[in-house]
């Protein structure tokens, strides 16, 4: 008789708990970003409405400049992984240059 390679159902964590465990750092990161933005707005609100407007405009400009290159990187990563997995070093290098 072959030994079983699968775990008993009672020993495997439910999928929901496993996903929550994996997502917790991302959730905390996103929540902290929102809290930092709210704190900035609250502090600037005590100064003037112009300060609140400046923080809002600066935030929009920052996120636009931050997310445009990030989108390019996120789009290229699967292609780099595919070329690397296929063992195509020249294609991997040329795609990785985009990053």
PDB file of N, CA and C in Angstrom:
ATOM      1  N   UNK A   1       0.842  -1.176   0.000  1.00  0.00           N
ATOM      2  CA  UNK A   1       0.000   0.000   0.000  1.00  0.00           C
ATOM      3  C   UNK A   1       0.893   1.248   0.000  1.00  0.00           C
ATOM      4  N   UNK A   2       0.570   2.205  -0.842  1.00  0.00           N
ATOM      5  CA  UNK A   2       1.321   3.450  -0.956  1.00  0.00           C
ATOM      6  C   UNK A   2       0.955   4.388   0.191  1.00  0.00           C
ATOM      7  N   UNK A   3       1.937   5.104   0.751  1.00  0.00           N
ATOM      8  CA  UNK A   3       1.599   6.092   1.784  1.00  0.00           C
ATOM      9  C   UNK A   3       0.855   7.264   1.147  1.00  0.00           C
ATOM     10  N   UNK A   4      -0.048   7.801   1.897  1.00  0.00           N
ATOM     11  CA  UNK A   4      -0.854   8.921   1.405  1.00  0.00           C
ATOM     12  C   UNK A   4      -0.013  10.196   1.382  1.00  0.00           C
ATOM     13  N   UNK A   5      -0.124  10.940   0.290  1.00  0.00           N
ATOM     14  CA  UNK A   5       0.613  12.202   0.188  1.00  0.00           C
ATOM     15  C   UNK A   5      -0.284  13.405   0.443  1.00  0.00           C
ATOM     16  N   UNK A   6      -1.564  13.157   0.640  1.00  0.00           N
ATOM     17  CA  UNK A   6      -2.477  14.270   0.917  1.00  0.00           C
ATOM     18  C   UNK A   6      -2.767  14.325   2.404  1.00  0.00           C
ATOM     19  N   UNK A   7      -3.033  15.513   2.878  1.00  0.00           N
ATOM     20  CA  UNK A   7      -3.373  15.682   4.288  1.00  0.00           C
ATOM     21  C   UNK A   7      -4.833  15.349   4.514  1.00  0.00           C
ATOM     22  N   UNK A   8      -5.122  14.947   5.705  1.00  0.00           N
ATOM     23  CA  UNK A   8      -6.513  14.696   6.049  1.00  0.00           C
ATOM     24  C   UNK A   8      -7.259  16.018   6.043  1.00  0.00           C
ATOM     25  N   UNK A   9      -8.531  16.006   5.672  1.00  0.00           N
ATOM     26  CA  UNK A   9      -9.286  17.263   5.631  1.00  0.00           C
ATOM     27  C   UNK A   9      -9.277  18.023   6.948  1.00  0.00           C
ATOM     28  N   UNK A  10      -9.223  17.321   8.068  1.00  0.00           N
ATOM     29  CA  UNK A  10      -9.237  18.007   9.361  1.00  0.00           C
ATOM     30  C   UNK A  10      -7.929  18.759   9.623  1.00  0.00           C
ATOM     31  N   UNK A  11      -6.857  18.413   8.912  1.00  0.00           N
ATOM     32  CA  UNK A  11      -5.566  19.057   9.134  1.00  0.00           C
ATOM     33  C   UNK A  11      -5.281  20.195   8.151  1.00  0.00           C
ATOM     34  N   UNK A  12      -6.061  20.322   7.108  1.00  0.00           N
ATOM     35  CA  UNK A  12      -5.831  21.396   6.142  1.00  0.00           C
ATOM     36  C   UNK A  12      -6.644  22.617   6.550  1.00  0.00           C
ATOM     37  N   UNK A  13      -6.009  23.807   6.524  1.00  0.00           N
ATOM     38  CA  UNK A  13      -6.760  25.007   6.899  1.00  0.00           C
ATOM     39  C   UNK A  13      -7.784  25.339   5.822  1.00  0.00           C
ATOM     40  N   UNK A  14      -8.918  25.868   6.220  1.00  0.00           N
ATOM     41  CA  UNK A  14      -9.904  26.269   5.222  1.00  0.00           C
ATOM     42  C   UNK A  14      -9.306  27.331   4.296  1.00  0.00           C
ATOM     43  N   UNK A  15      -9.739  27.320   3.066  1.00  0.00           N
ATOM     44  CA  UNK A  15      -9.193  28.230   2.061  1.00  0.00           C
ATOM     45  C   UNK A  15      -9.365  29.688   2.464  1.00  0.00           C
ATOM     46  N   UNK A  16     -10.485  30.015   3.061  1.00  0.00           N
ATOM     47  CA  UNK A  16     -10.733  31.403   3.457  1.00  0.00           C
ATOM     48  C   UNK A  16      -9.699  31.875   4.472  1.00  0.00           C
ATOM     49  N   UNK A  17      -9.395  31.057   5.453  1.00  0.00           N
ATOM     50  CA  UNK A  17      -8.403  31.437   6.459  1.00  0.00           C
ATOM     51  C   UNK A  17      -7.015  31.580   5.844  1.00  0.00           C
ATOM     52  N   UNK A  18      -6.691  30.705   4.919  1.00  0.00           N
ATOM     53  CA  UNK A  18      -5.389  30.782   4.257  1.00  0.00           C
ATOM     54  C   UNK A  18      -5.288  32.057   3.420  1.00  0.00           C
ATOM     55  N   UNK A  19      -6.346  32.404   2.710  1.00  0.00           N
ATOM     56  CA  UNK A  19      -6.343  33.632   1.914  1.00  0.00           C
ATOM     57  C   UNK A  19      -6.251  34.866   2.799  1.00  0.00           C
ATOM     58  N   UNK A  20      -6.943  34.861   3.916  1.00  0.00           N
ATOM     59  CA  UNK A  20      -6.863  35.992   4.842  1.00  0.00           C
ATOM     60  C   UNK A  20      -5.460  36.137   5.420  1.00  0.00           C
ATOM     61  N   UNK A  21      -4.829  35.031   5.707  1.00  0.00           N
ATOM     62  CA  UNK A  21      -3.460  35.073   6.228  1.00  0.00           C
ATOM     63  C   UNK A  21      -2.502  35.660   5.189  1.00  0.00           C
ATOM     64  N   UNK A  22      -2.697  35.299   3.944  1.00  0.00           N
ATOM     65  CA  UNK A  22      -1.840  35.823   2.884  1.00  0.00           C
ATOM     66  C   UNK A  22      -2.151  37.284   2.560  1.00  0.00           C
ATOM     67  N   UNK A  23      -3.418  37.673   2.695  1.00  0.00           N
ATOM     68  CA  UNK A  23      -3.830  39.030   2.328  1.00  0.00           C
ATOM     69  C   UNK A  23      -3.620  40.041   3.446  1.00  0.00           C
ATOM     70  N   UNK A  24      -3.405  39.594   4.665  1.00  0.00           N
ATOM     71  CA  UNK A  24      -3.299  40.512   5.807  1.00  0.00           C
ATOM     72  C   UNK A  24      -2.226  41.586   5.620  1.00  0.00           C
ATOM     73  N   UNK A  25      -1.019  41.270   5.170  1.00  0.00           N
ATOM     74  CA  UNK A  25      -0.030  42.345   4.981  1.00  0.00           C
ATOM     75  C   UNK A  25      -0.466  43.376   3.941  1.00  0.00           C
ATOM     76  N   UNK A  26      -1.089  42.926   2.865  1.00  0.00           N
ATOM     77  CA  UNK A  26      -1.573  43.868   1.850  1.00  0.00           C
ATOM     78  C   UNK A  26      -2.688  44.737   2.403  1.00  0.00           C
ATOM     79  N   UNK A  27      -3.557  44.137   3.171  1.00  0.00           N
ATOM     80  CA  UNK A  27      -4.651  44.884   3.779  1.00  0.00           C
ATOM     81  C   UNK A  27      -4.116  45.959   4.716  1.00  0.00           C
ATOM     82  N   UNK A  28      -3.152  45.604   5.538  1.00  0.00           N
ATOM     83  CA  UNK A  28      -2.564  46.577   6.465  1.00  0.00           C
ATOM     84  C   UNK A  28      -1.819  47.689   5.726  1.00  0.00           C
ATOM     85  N   UNK A  29      -1.151  47.342   4.639  1.00  0.00           N
ATOM     86  CA  UNK A  29      -0.442  48.351   3.850  1.00  0.00           C
ATOM     87  C   UNK A  29      -1.417  49.350   3.246  1.00  0.00           C
ATOM     88  N   UNK A  30      -2.486  48.849   2.653  1.00  0.00           N
ATOM     89  CA  UNK A  30      -3.477  49.745   2.052  1.00  0.00           C
ATOM     90  C   UNK A  30      -4.168  50.594   3.109  1.00  0.00           C
ATOM     91  N   UNK A  31      -4.482  50.002   4.237  1.00  0.00           N
ATOM     92  CA  UNK A  31      -5.130  50.745   5.314  1.00  0.00           C
ATOM     93  C   UNK A  31      -4.214  51.833   5.854  1.00  0.00           C
ATOM     94  N   UNK A  32      -2.938  51.539   5.992  1.00  0.00           N
ATOM     95  CA  UNK A  32      -2.011  52.558   6.492  1.00  0.00           C
ATOM     96  C   UNK A  32      -1.887  53.715   5.508  1.00  0.00           C
ATOM     97  N   UNK A  33      -1.931  53.435   4.209  1.00  0.00           N
ATOM     98  CA  UNK A  33      -1.897  54.506   3.216  1.00  0.00           C
ATOM     99  C   UNK A  33      -3.092  55.429   3.330  1.00  0.00           C
ATOM    100  N   UNK A  34      -4.256  54.856   3.552  1.00  0.00           N
ATOM    101  CA  UNK A  34      -5.471  55.662   3.728  1.00  0.00           C
ATOM    102  C   UNK A  34      -5.376  56.494   4.998  1.00  0.00           C
ATOM    103  N   UNK A  35      -4.884  55.897   6.065  1.00  0.00           N
ATOM    104  CA  UNK A  35      -4.759  56.626   7.328  1.00  0.00           C
ATOM    105  C   UNK A  35      -3.741  57.760   7.236  1.00  0.00           C
ATOM    106  N   UNK A  36      -2.666  57.555   6.512  1.00  0.00           N
ATOM    107  CA  UNK A  36      -1.680  58.627   6.325  1.00  0.00           C
ATOM    108  C   UNK A  36      -2.306  59.779   5.555  1.00  0.00           C
ATOM    109  N   UNK A  37      -3.059  59.472   4.504  1.00  0.00           N
ATOM    110  CA  UNK A  37      -3.734  60.517   3.734  1.00  0.00           C
ATOM    111  C   UNK A  37      -4.744  61.277   4.570  1.00  0.00           C
ATOM    112  N   UNK A  38      -5.506  60.563   5.389  1.00  0.00           N
ATOM    113  CA  UNK A  38      -6.489  61.225   6.254  1.00  0.00           C
ATOM    114  C   UNK A  38      -5.798  62.103   7.289  1.00  0.00           C
ATOM    115  N   UNK A  39      -4.692  61.632   7.836  1.00  0.00           N
ATOM    116  CA  UNK A  39      -3.939  62.427   8.811  1.00  0.00           C
ATOM    117  C   UNK A  39      -3.377  63.690   8.169  1.00  0.00           C
ATOM    118  N   UNK A  40      -2.836  63.568   6.968  1.00  0.00           N
ATOM    119  CA  UNK A  40      -2.341  64.748   6.249  1.00  0.00           C
ATOM    120  C   UNK A  40      -3.451  65.775   6.069  1.00  0.00           C
ATOM    121  N   UNK A  41      -4.613  65.313   5.657  1.00  0.00           N
ATOM    122  CA  UNK A  41      -5.739  66.220   5.427  1.00  0.00           C
ATOM    123  C   UNK A  41      -6.184  66.883   6.722  1.00  0.00           C
ATOM    124  N   UNK A  42      -6.234  66.122   7.804  1.00  0.00           N
ATOM    125  CA  UNK A  42      -6.635  66.700   9.090  1.00  0.00           C
ATOM    126  C   UNK A  42      -5.654  67.773   9.555  1.00  0.00           C
ATOM    127  N   UNK A  43      -4.372  67.497   9.442  1.00  0.00           N
ATOM    128  CA  UNK A  43      -3.381  68.488   9.860  1.00  0.00           C
ATOM    129  C   UNK A  43      -3.429  69.735   8.987  1.00  0.00           C
ATOM    130  N   UNK A  44      -3.551  69.559   7.689  1.00  0.00           N
ATOM    131  CA  UNK A  44      -3.599  70.713   6.790  1.00  0.00           C
ATOM    132  C   UNK A  44      -4.902  71.493   6.962  1.00  0.00           C
ATOM    133  N   UNK A  45      -5.961  70.806   7.360  1.00  0.00           N
ATOM    134  CA  UNK A  45      -7.235  71.475   7.604  1.00  0.00           C
ATOM    135  C   UNK A  45      -7.156  72.468   8.744  1.00  0.00           C
ATOM    136  N   UNK A  46      -6.253  72.257   9.664  1.00  0.00           N
ATOM    137  CA  UNK A  46      -6.073  73.200  10.775  1.00  0.00           C
ATOM    138  C   UNK A  46      -5.310  74.443  10.330  1.00  0.00           C
ATOM    139  N   UNK A  47      -4.620  74.344   9.183  1.00  0.00           N
ATOM    140  CA  UNK A  47      -3.860  75.497   8.688  1.00  0.00           C
ATOM    141  C   UNK A  47      -4.752  76.385   7.825  1.00  0.00           C
ATOM    142  N   UNK A  48      -5.240  75.831   6.695  1.00  0.00           N
ATOM    143  CA  UNK A  48      -6.124  76.620   5.818  1.00  0.00           C
ATOM    144  C   UNK A  48      -6.717  75.719   4.745  1.00  0.00           C
ATOM    145  N   UNK A  49      -7.726  76.246   4.060  1.00  0.00           N
ATOM    146  CA  UNK A  49      -8.314  75.484   2.959  1.00  0.00           C
ATOM    147  C   UNK A  49      -7.338  75.394   1.788  1.00  0.00           C
ATOM    148  N   UNK A  50      -6.506  76.412   1.621  1.00  0.00           N
ATOM    149  CA  UNK A  50      -5.497  76.362   0.554  1.00  0.00           C
ATOM    150  C   UNK A  50      -4.492  75.242   0.816  1.00  0.00           C
ATOM    151  N   UNK A  51      -4.163  75.015   2.075  1.00  0.00           N
ATOM    152  CA  UNK A  51      -3.238  73.930   2.418  1.00  0.00           C
ATOM    153  C   UNK A  51      -3.863  72.573   2.106  1.00  0.00           C
ATOM    154  N   UNK A  52      -5.166  72.436   2.383  1.00  0.00           N
ATOM    155  CA  UNK A  52      -5.867  71.187   2.066  1.00  0.00           C
ATOM    156  C   UNK A  52      -5.865  70.967   0.557  1.00  0.00           C
ATOM    157  N   UNK A  53      -6.109  72.038  -0.203  1.00  0.00           N
ATOM    158  CA  UNK A  53      -6.103  71.930  -1.664  1.00  0.00           C
ATOM    159  C   UNK A  53      -4.720  71.547  -2.176  1.00  0.00           C
ATOM    160  N   UNK A  54      -3.684  72.117  -1.588  1.00  0.00           N
ATOM    161  CA  UNK A  54      -2.316  71.801  -2.012  1.00  0.00           C
ATOM    162  C   UNK A  54      -1.975  70.341  -1.734  1.00  0.00           C
ATOM    163  N   UNK A  55      -2.386  69.843  -0.577  1.00  0.00           N
ATOM    164  CA  UNK A  55      -2.133  68.439  -0.247  1.00  0.00           C
ATOM    165  C   UNK A  55      -2.902  67.535  -1.200  1.00  0.00           C
ATOM    166  N   UNK A  56      -4.136  67.894  -1.507  1.00  0.00           N
ATOM    167  CA  UNK A  56      -4.931  67.098  -2.449  1.00  0.00           C
ATOM    168  C   UNK A  56      -4.301  67.055  -3.828  1.00  0.00           C
ATOM    169  N   UNK A  57      -3.871  68.212  -4.319  1.00  0.00           N
ATOM    170  CA  UNK A  57      -3.234  68.269  -5.634  1.00  0.00           C
ATOM    171  C   UNK A  57      -1.908  67.511  -5.632  1.00  0.00           C
ATOM    172  N   UNK A  58      -1.127  67.691  -4.591  1.00  0.00           N
ATOM    173  CA  UNK A  58       0.143  66.973  -4.494  1.00  0.00           C
ATOM    174  C   UNK A  58      -0.057  65.471  -4.445  1.00  0.00           C
ATOM    175  N   UNK A  59      -1.093  65.039  -3.753  1.00  0.00           N
ATOM    176  CA  UNK A  59      -1.385  63.612  -3.655  1.00  0.00           C
ATOM    177  C   UNK A  59      -1.753  63.035  -5.021  1.00  0.00           C
ATOM    178  N   UNK A  60      -2.585  63.749  -5.753  1.00  0.00           N
ATOM    179  CA  UNK A  60      -2.972  63.281  -7.087  1.00  0.00           C
ATOM    180  C   UNK A  60      -1.756  63.208  -8.004  1.00  0.00           C
ATOM    181  N   UNK A  61      -0.918  64.218  -7.947  1.00  0.00           N
ATOM    182  CA  UNK A  61       0.284  64.227  -8.791  1.00  0.00           C
ATOM    183  C   UNK A  61       1.232  63.087  -8.409  1.00  0.00           C
ATOM    184  N   UNK A  62       1.418  62.875  -7.114  1.00  0.00           N
ATOM    185  CA  UNK A  62       2.303  61.805  -6.664  1.00  0.00           C
ATOM    186  C   UNK A  62       1.800  60.450  -7.140  1.00  0.00           C
ATOM    187  N   UNK A  63       0.524  60.154  -6.900  1.00  0.00           N
ATOM    188  CA  UNK A  63       0.001  58.843  -7.259  1.00  0.00           C
ATOM    189  C   UNK A  63       0.007  58.622  -8.763  1.00  0.00           C
ATOM    190  N   UNK A  64      -0.220  59.681  -9.536  1.00  0.00           N
ATOM    191  CA  UNK A  64      -0.155  59.543 -10.990  1.00  0.00           C
ATOM    192  C   UNK A  64       1.261  59.184 -11.426  1.00  0.00           C
ATOM    193  N   UNK A  65       2.237  59.895 -10.907  1.00  0.00           N
ATOM    194  CA  UNK A  65       3.628  59.630 -11.281  1.00  0.00           C
ATOM    195  C   UNK A  65       4.130  58.291 -10.740  1.00  0.00           C
ATOM    196  N   UNK A  66       3.559  57.835  -9.640  1.00  0.00           N
ATOM    197  CA  UNK A  66       3.973  56.570  -9.039  1.00  0.00           C
ATOM    198  C   UNK A  66       3.338  55.381  -9.757  1.00  0.00           C
ATOM    199  N   UNK A  67       2.065  55.498 -10.115  1.00  0.00           N
ATOM    200  CA  UNK A  67       1.342  54.347 -10.647  1.00  0.00           C
ATOM    201  C   UNK A  67       1.561  54.098 -12.135  1.00  0.00           C
ATOM    202  N   UNK A  68       1.890  55.112 -12.911  1.00  0.00           N
ATOM    203  CA  UNK A  68       2.122  54.876 -14.341  1.00  0.00           C
ATOM    204  C   UNK A  68       3.290  53.917 -14.578  1.00  0.00           C
ATOM    205  N   UNK A  69       4.458  54.146 -13.990  1.00  0.00           N
ATOM    206  CA  UNK A  69       5.533  53.157 -14.178  1.00  0.00           C
ATOM    207  C   UNK A  69       5.215  51.818 -13.517  1.00  0.00           C
ATOM    208  N   UNK A  70       4.493  51.862 -12.431  1.00  0.00           N
ATOM    209  CA  UNK A  70       4.137  50.627 -11.721  1.00  0.00           C
ATOM    210  C   UNK A  70       3.262  49.735 -12.598  1.00  0.00           C
ATOM    211  N   UNK A  71       2.357  50.347 -13.350  1.00  0.00           N
ATOM    212  CA  UNK A  71       1.515  49.577 -14.262  1.00  0.00           C
ATOM    213  C   UNK A  71       2.333  48.894 -15.343  1.00  0.00           C
ATOM    214  N   UNK A  72       3.336  49.586 -15.850  1.00  0.00           N
ATOM    215  CA  UNK A  72       4.212  48.989 -16.863  1.00  0.00           C
ATOM    216  C   UNK A  72       4.963  47.796 -16.285  1.00  0.00           C
ATOM    217  N   UNK A  73       5.483  47.954 -15.099  1.00  0.00           N
ATOM    218  CA  UNK A  73       6.213  46.859 -14.451  1.00  0.00           C
ATOM    219  C   UNK A  73       5.291  45.667 -14.225  1.00  0.00           C
ATOM    220  N   UNK A  74       4.093  45.916 -13.715  1.00  0.00           N
ATOM    221  CA  UNK A  74       3.152  44.823 -13.464  1.00  0.00           C
ATOM    222  C   UNK A  74       2.732  44.128 -14.751  1.00  0.00           C
ATOM    223  N   UNK A  75       2.711  44.853 -15.861  1.00  0.00           N
ATOM    224  CA  UNK A  75       2.341  44.240 -17.133  1.00  0.00           C
ATOM    225  C   UNK A  75       3.462  43.370 -17.693  1.00  0.00           C
ATOM    226  N   UNK A  76       4.708  43.715 -17.410  1.00  0.00           N
ATOM    227  CA  UNK A  76       5.850  43.001 -17.990  1.00  0.00           C
ATOM    228  C   UNK A  76       6.239  41.768 -17.167  1.00  0.00           C
ATOM    229  N   UNK A  77       5.988  41.782 -15.879  1.00  0.00           N
ATOM    230  CA  UNK A  77       6.420  40.686 -14.997  1.00  0.00           C
ATOM    231  C   UNK A  77       5.966  39.302 -15.477  1.00  0.00           C
ATOM    232  N   UNK A  78       4.698  39.099 -15.888  1.00  0.00           N
ATOM    233  CA  UNK A  78       4.316  37.757 -16.349  1.00  0.00           C
ATOM    234  C   UNK A  78       5.103  37.294 -17.578  1.00  0.00           C
ATOM    235  N   UNK A  79       5.445  38.227 -18.467  1.00  0.00           N
ATOM    236  CA  UNK A  79       6.208  37.858 -19.655  1.00  0.00           C
ATOM    237  C   UNK A  79       7.642  37.476 -19.294  1.00  0.00           C
ATOM    238  N   UNK A  80       8.218  38.172 -18.333  1.00  0.00           N
ATOM    239  CA  UNK A  80       9.562  37.824 -17.861  1.00  0.00           C
ATOM    240  C   UNK A  80       9.532  36.433 -17.233  1.00  0.00           C
ATOM    241  N   UNK A  81       8.533  36.166 -16.413  1.00  0.00           N
ATOM    242  CA  UNK A  81       8.423  34.859 -15.763  1.00  0.00           C
ATOM    243  C   UNK A  81       8.232  33.747 -16.788  1.00  0.00           C
ATOM    244  N   UNK A  82       7.440  34.018 -17.812  1.00  0.00           N
ATOM    245  CA  UNK A  82       7.210  33.007 -18.844  1.00  0.00           C
ATOM    246  C   UNK A  82       8.499  32.711 -19.615  1.00  0.00           C
ATOM    247  N   UNK A  83       9.228  33.755 -19.989  1.00  0.00           N
ATOM    248  CA  UNK A  83      10.488  33.553 -20.713  1.00  0.00           C
ATOM    249  C   UNK A  83      11.516  32.840 -19.835  1.00  0.00           C
ATOM    250  N   UNK A  84      11.566  33.205 -18.564  1.00  0.00           N
ATOM    251  CA  UNK A  84      12.494  32.558 -17.636  1.00  0.00           C
ATOM    252  C   UNK A  84      12.143  31.084 -17.473  1.00  0.00           C
ATOM    253  N   UNK A  85      10.852  30.799 -17.322  1.00  0.00           N
ATOM    254  CA  UNK A  85      10.411  29.411 -17.173  1.00  0.00           C
ATOM    255  C   UNK A  85      10.692  28.573 -18.406  1.00  0.00           C
ATOM    256  N   UNK A  86      10.651  29.205 -19.582  1.00  0.00           N
ATOM    257  CA  UNK A  86      10.932  28.489 -20.829  1.00  0.00           C
ATOM    258  C   UNK A  86      12.429  28.337 -21.071  1.00  0.00           C
ATOM    259  N   UNK A  87      13.242  28.982 -20.232  1.00  0.00           N
ATOM    260  CA  UNK A  87      14.690  28.879 -20.378  1.00  0.00           C
ATOM    261  C   UNK A  87      15.261  29.781 -21.460  1.00  0.00           C
ATOM    262  N   UNK A  88      14.487  30.742 -21.928  1.00  0.00           N
ATOM    263  CA  UNK A  88      14.935  31.670 -22.973  1.00  0.00           C
ATOM    264  C   UNK A  88      15.630  32.863 -22.316  1.00  0.00           C
ATOM    265  N   UNK A  89      16.948  32.745 -22.143  1.00  0.00           N
ATOM    266  CA  UNK A  89      17.693  33.772 -21.411  1.00  0.00           C
ATOM    267  C   UNK A  89      17.752  35.103 -22.146  1.00  0.00           C
ATOM    268  N   UNK A  90      17.878  35.074 -23.458  1.00  0.00           N
ATOM    269  CA  UNK A  90      17.967  36.347 -24.190  1.00  0.00           C
ATOM    270  C   UNK A  90      16.649  37.110 -24.113  1.00  0.00           C
ATOM    271  N   UNK A  91      15.537  36.408 -24.234  1.00  0.00           N
ATOM    272  CA  UNK A  91      14.228  37.070 -24.119  1.00  0.00           C
ATOM    273  C   UNK A  91      14.004  37.564 -22.693  1.00  0.00           C
ATOM    274  N   UNK A  92      14.429  36.764 -21.716  1.00  0.00           N
ATOM    275  CA  UNK A  92      14.298  37.178 -20.317  1.00  0.00           C
ATOM    276  C   UNK A  92      15.070  38.463 -20.067  1.00  0.00           C
ATOM    277  N   UNK A  93      16.300  38.518 -20.571  1.00  0.00           N
ATOM    278  CA  UNK A  93      17.117  39.728 -20.390  1.00  0.00           C
ATOM    279  C   UNK A  93      16.494  40.937 -21.072  1.00  0.00           C
ATOM    280  N   UNK A  94      16.016  40.757 -22.296  1.00  0.00           N
ATOM    281  CA  UNK A  94      15.456  41.908 -23.013  1.00  0.00           C
ATOM    282  C   UNK A  94      14.178  42.402 -22.341  1.00  0.00           C
ATOM    283  N   UNK A  95      13.364  41.503 -21.827  1.00  0.00           N
ATOM    284  CA  UNK A  95      12.151  41.926 -21.117  1.00  0.00           C
ATOM    285  C   UNK A  95      12.487  42.545 -19.768  1.00  0.00           C
ATOM    286  N   UNK A  96      13.489  42.002 -19.104  1.00  0.00           N
ATOM    287  CA  UNK A  96      13.857  42.522 -17.784  1.00  0.00           C
ATOM    288  C   UNK A  96      14.425  43.927 -17.875  1.00  0.00           C
ATOM    289  N   UNK A  97      14.955  44.298 -19.034  1.00  0.00           N
ATOM    290  CA  UNK A  97      15.465  45.666 -19.204  1.00  0.00           C
ATOM    291  C   UNK A  97      14.353  46.696 -19.076  1.00  0.00           C
ATOM    292  N   UNK A  98      13.142  46.307 -19.409  1.00  0.00           N
ATOM    293  CA  UNK A  98      11.997  47.217 -19.283  1.00  0.00           C
ATOM    294  C   UNK A  98      11.751  47.541 -17.819  1.00  0.00           C
ATOM    295  N   UNK A  99      12.027  46.564 -16.969  1.00  0.00           N
ATOM    296  CA  UNK A  99      11.795  46.762 -15.543  1.00  0.00           C
ATOM    297  C   UNK A  99      12.813  47.719 -14.990  1.00  0.00           C
TER     298      UNK A  99
END
